[in-house]
Amino acid sequence: MMVDDLYELKEVFRKREIFLSFSGPISQNLVAEIASTLKQKMELEEASKTTVLRVFSMLVENAQNIMHYSAEKLPKDHSGKEDELSFGIIAVGYENGKYFVLCGNMIENGKVDIFREKLTKLQGMNEEELKAYYKEQRRKGPGEGSKGGGLGFIEMARKASRPIEFDFRKVDETFSFFSVKVVS
């Protein structure tokens, strides 16, 4: 992208009502700063505390998914002081009077069906089914290959005002780009 293209990117964001975005290496410190800025903006807009907490939670859960599952990583430094950095993209905006969080990252093609199956299952559940499924999964604990508690997508689905949207775009024989959109 050249300097003269930056305005076009800004216009794409404006037209899609995206007011916050980041693309690059994601760290806990970065997520904390982005979340703090988002919270401050929403409070200035007089969003309800419930909405602020819901969107804040969606942002953090999505960022943690990037940190845990992105296939695009910068390895730990040789001193052992720094954790590896995972690459992804995060965007927050408005849609029909509601906030949305949009995140994406590269994943290995072998994981596409696993994520698709989990998310498709969640899309078909109503509020009560999501609540029961959440409790069931908490009792079971993290699944094989899970780097977190295994509850992130379920928590987001429970907080969302509509089913989670997702997409996989095959990049090459090894990787796909995984996108997730959650609306408050």
Protein backbone atom coordinates (compact mmCIF):
# COMPACT_ATOMS: atom_id res chain seq x y z
CA MET A 1 0.00 0.00 0.00
CA MET A 2 1.31 3.39 -0.90
CA VAL A 3 0.73 6.72 0.78
CA ASP A 4 -1.87 7.73 -1.79
CA ASP A 5 -3.90 4.56 -1.07
CA LEU A 6 -4.38 5.25 2.62
CA TYR A 7 -7.34 7.56 2.05
CA GLU A 8 -9.14 4.80 0.12
CA LEU A 9 -8.62 2.43 3.05
CA LYS A 10 -10.00 5.07 5.42
CA GLU A 11 -13.05 5.45 3.16
CA VAL A 12 -13.66 1.69 3.13
CA PHE A 13 -13.64 1.78 6.94
CA ARG A 14 -15.96 4.80 7.00
CA LYS A 15 -18.45 3.20 4.59
CA ARG A 16 -18.46 -0.02 6.61
CA GLU A 17 -18.69 1.99 9.86
CA ILE A 18 -15.43 0.55 11.22
CA PHE A 19 -14.00 2.96 13.76
CA LEU A 20 -11.17 0.91 15.23
CA SER A 21 -8.80 -1.50 13.49
CA PHE A 22 -5.44 -3.16 13.88
CA SER A 23 -3.54 -5.58 11.66
CA GLY A 24 -0.27 -7.13 12.74
CA PRO A 25 1.30 -8.89 15.71
CA ILE A 26 -1.09 -9.25 18.67
CA SER A 27 0.11 -9.25 22.29
CA GLN A 28 -1.63 -9.12 25.66
CA ASN A 29 -0.38 -5.55 26.12
CA LEU A 30 -1.77 -4.48 22.75
CA VAL A 31 -5.15 -6.09 23.47
CA ALA A 32 -5.30 -4.30 26.83
CA GLU A 33 -4.63 -0.94 25.14
CA ILE A 34 -7.13 -1.53 22.33
CA ALA A 35 -9.76 -2.69 24.83
CA SER A 36 -9.15 0.35 27.04
CA THR A 37 -9.50 2.72 24.06
CA LEU A 38 -12.66 0.93 22.91
CA LYS A 39 -14.18 1.12 26.39
CA GLN A 40 -13.38 4.85 26.62
CA LYS A 41 -14.93 5.53 23.19
CA MET A 42 -18.09 3.60 24.04
CA GLU A 43 -18.45 5.39 27.38
CA LEU A 44 -18.10 8.76 25.61
CA GLU A 45 -20.90 7.63 23.28
CA GLU A 46 -22.93 6.78 26.40
CA ALA A 47 -23.27 3.10 25.53
CA SER A 48 -24.84 1.12 28.35
CA LYS A 49 -22.52 -0.65 30.79
CA THR A 50 -23.95 -3.97 29.60
CA THR A 51 -23.10 -3.15 25.98
CA VAL A 52 -19.60 -1.94 26.90
CA LEU A 53 -18.89 -5.15 28.83
CA ARG A 54 -20.35 -7.34 26.09
CA VAL A 55 -18.28 -5.74 23.30
CA PHE A 56 -15.17 -5.63 25.52
CA SER A 57 -15.57 -9.36 26.19
CA MET A 58 -16.08 -10.14 22.49
CA LEU A 59 -12.93 -8.21 21.58
CA VAL A 60 -10.82 -9.95 24.23
CA GLU A 61 -12.14 -13.44 23.32
CA ASN A 62 -11.45 -12.88 19.63
CA ALA A 63 -7.97 -11.50 20.32
CA GLN A 64 -7.19 -14.51 22.52
CA ASN A 65 -8.27 -16.79 19.68
CA ILE A 66 -5.79 -15.02 17.41
CA MET A 67 -3.03 -15.35 19.99
CA HIS A 68 -3.75 -19.05 20.57
CA TYR A 69 -4.61 -20.28 17.08
CA SER A 70 -3.02 -18.03 14.45
CA ALA A 71 -0.68 -20.03 12.22
CA GLU A 72 1.23 -16.84 11.45
CA LYS A 73 3.67 -16.32 14.31
CA LEU A 74 6.87 -14.51 15.13
CA PRO A 75 8.87 -16.94 17.29
CA LYS A 76 10.03 -16.23 20.83
CA ASP A 77 13.25 -14.31 21.10
CA HIS A 78 16.41 -16.20 22.00
CA SER A 79 16.53 -14.73 25.52
CA GLY A 80 13.28 -16.46 26.43
CA LYS A 81 11.92 -13.18 27.81
CA GLU A 82 9.30 -12.56 25.16
CA ASP A 83 6.44 -14.84 24.16
CA GLU A 84 5.84 -15.54 20.50
CA LEU A 85 3.63 -13.04 18.71
CA SER A 86 0.62 -14.17 16.69
CA PHE A 87 -0.52 -12.16 13.69
CA GLY A 88 -4.11 -11.25 12.94
CA ILE A 89 -6.53 -8.45 12.23
CA ILE A 90 -9.14 -6.89 14.53
CA ALA A 91 -11.84 -4.39 13.58
CA VAL A 92 -14.70 -2.88 15.58
CA GLY A 93 -17.60 -0.93 14.15
CA TYR A 94 -21.34 -0.33 14.01
CA GLU A 95 -24.01 -2.14 12.06
CA ASN A 96 -27.71 -1.31 12.28
CA GLY A 97 -27.24 0.43 15.62
CA LYS A 98 -25.19 -2.37 17.16
CA TYR A 99 -21.47 -2.82 17.69
CA PHE A 100 -19.60 -5.62 15.95
CA VAL A 101 -16.18 -7.18 16.40
CA LEU A 102 -14.53 -8.66 13.33
CA CYS A 103 -11.32 -10.68 13.63
CA GLY A 104 -9.24 -12.83 11.35
CA ASN A 105 -6.06 -14.84 11.17
CA MET A 106 -4.33 -17.57 9.24
CA ILE A 107 -4.97 -21.17 10.31
CA GLU A 108 -3.73 -24.50 9.05
CA ASN A 109 -6.09 -26.07 6.53
CA GLY A 110 -6.32 -29.15 8.75
CA LYS A 111 -8.15 -27.09 11.38
CA VAL A 112 -10.79 -25.61 9.06
CA ASP A 113 -13.28 -28.46 9.47
CA ILE A 114 -12.84 -28.48 13.27
CA PHE A 115 -13.62 -24.76 13.54
CA ARG A 116 -16.41 -24.96 10.95
CA GLU A 117 -18.10 -27.81 12.84
CA LYS A 118 -17.91 -25.98 16.20
CA LEU A 119 -19.22 -22.70 14.81
CA THR A 120 -21.96 -24.27 12.69
CA LYS A 121 -23.19 -26.13 15.77
CA LEU A 122 -23.31 -22.85 17.75
CA GLN A 123 -25.14 -21.05 14.91
CA GLY A 124 -28.00 -23.53 15.22
CA MET A 125 -28.50 -23.09 18.97
CA ASN A 126 -30.95 -20.80 20.73
CA GLU A 127 -30.21 -18.98 24.00
CA GLU A 128 -31.24 -21.86 26.27
CA GLU A 129 -29.33 -24.43 24.22
CA LEU A 130 -26.22 -22.25 24.33
CA LYS A 131 -26.51 -21.92 28.10
CA ALA A 132 -26.85 -25.69 28.56
CA TYR A 133 -24.01 -26.39 26.11
CA TYR A 134 -21.78 -23.91 27.95
CA LYS A 135 -22.40 -25.68 31.26
CA GLU A 136 -21.77 -29.07 29.67
CA GLN A 137 -18.47 -27.93 28.14
CA ARG A 138 -17.33 -26.37 31.43
CA ARG A 139 -17.82 -29.71 33.14
CA LYS A 140 -15.90 -31.53 30.40
CA GLY A 141 -12.95 -29.12 30.38
CA PRO A 142 -10.82 -28.13 27.39
CA GLY A 143 -10.87 -30.42 24.37
CA GLU A 144 -7.86 -31.99 22.73
CA GLY A 145 -5.70 -29.36 21.06
CA SER A 146 -7.45 -26.51 22.90
CA LYS A 147 -5.04 -23.84 24.08
CA GLY A 148 -7.64 -22.06 26.18
CA GLY A 149 -10.63 -23.21 28.14
CA GLY A 150 -12.50 -24.20 24.99
CA LEU A 151 -15.36 -21.89 25.89
CA GLY A 152 -14.52 -18.72 23.94
CA PHE A 153 -16.79 -19.24 20.93
CA ILE A 154 -19.62 -20.41 23.21
CA GLU A 155 -19.26 -17.31 25.39
CA MET A 156 -19.28 -15.07 22.32
CA ALA A 157 -22.34 -16.83 20.90
CA ARG A 158 -24.15 -16.33 24.21
CA LYS A 159 -23.35 -12.60 24.26
CA ALA A 160 -24.12 -12.00 20.58
CA SER A 161 -27.44 -10.61 19.39
CA ARG A 162 -27.39 -12.96 16.40
CA PRO A 163 -25.45 -16.06 15.34
CA ILE A 164 -21.69 -15.74 14.89
CA GLU A 165 -20.71 -15.26 11.25
CA PHE A 166 -17.54 -16.91 9.97
CA ASP A 167 -15.64 -17.59 6.79
CA PHE A 168 -12.62 -19.57 5.63
CA ARG A 169 -10.69 -18.44 2.56
CA LYS A 170 -8.14 -20.95 1.31
CA VAL A 171 -4.85 -19.14 0.74
CA ASP A 172 -2.70 -22.06 -0.42
CA GLU A 173 -2.26 -25.80 0.18
CA THR A 174 -1.21 -25.21 3.80
CA PHE A 175 -3.19 -22.23 5.12
CA SER A 176 -6.62 -20.61 5.11
CA PHE A 177 -7.67 -17.19 6.38
CA PHE A 178 -10.28 -17.56 9.13
CA SER A 179 -12.67 -14.63 9.77
CA VAL A 180 -15.19 -14.25 12.59
CA LYS A 181 -17.84 -11.56 13.12
CA VAL A 182 -19.75 -11.16 16.37
CA VAL A 183 -22.53 -8.56 16.77
CA SER A 184 -23.46 -7.26 20.24
